[in-house]
């Protein structure tokens, strides 16, 4: 569903509509990642992870309401990626970092420093070790 929604995007559309479509596509991809995790399909999780960033990227410069639209799908996607064995997770390292950046941006906006510190610990635990 995420890819189908992504095909509906057009540069000529109003920005608000594009944001809504990106949020919906990210939500659907996160759902697919959860289902793949339930089935132990790490390849599908990583495939969806490689696609989800294109729908999250427009939120990287956002704040407030727009950023809130993507917070839940990003959290769900990261939880699914966390179920991938560490050796295989290295393939998604760049996406993992970017998704955590979005989560941290939302916490910084809320001045939720303790939760931000917890999230940083989680992020470092998920990233592959050199």
Foldseek 3Di string as FASTA:
>chain_A
DLVVLVVVDDPVDDPVVLLVSLLVSLQVLLVQLLVCLVVVNLVSLVVSLVVNVVSCVVCLPPDDPSLVSNQVSLVSSLVSLLSHPLVVSQSNQVSLVVSLSSNLRHCVNVVVVVVSVVSVVVSVVNHHDD
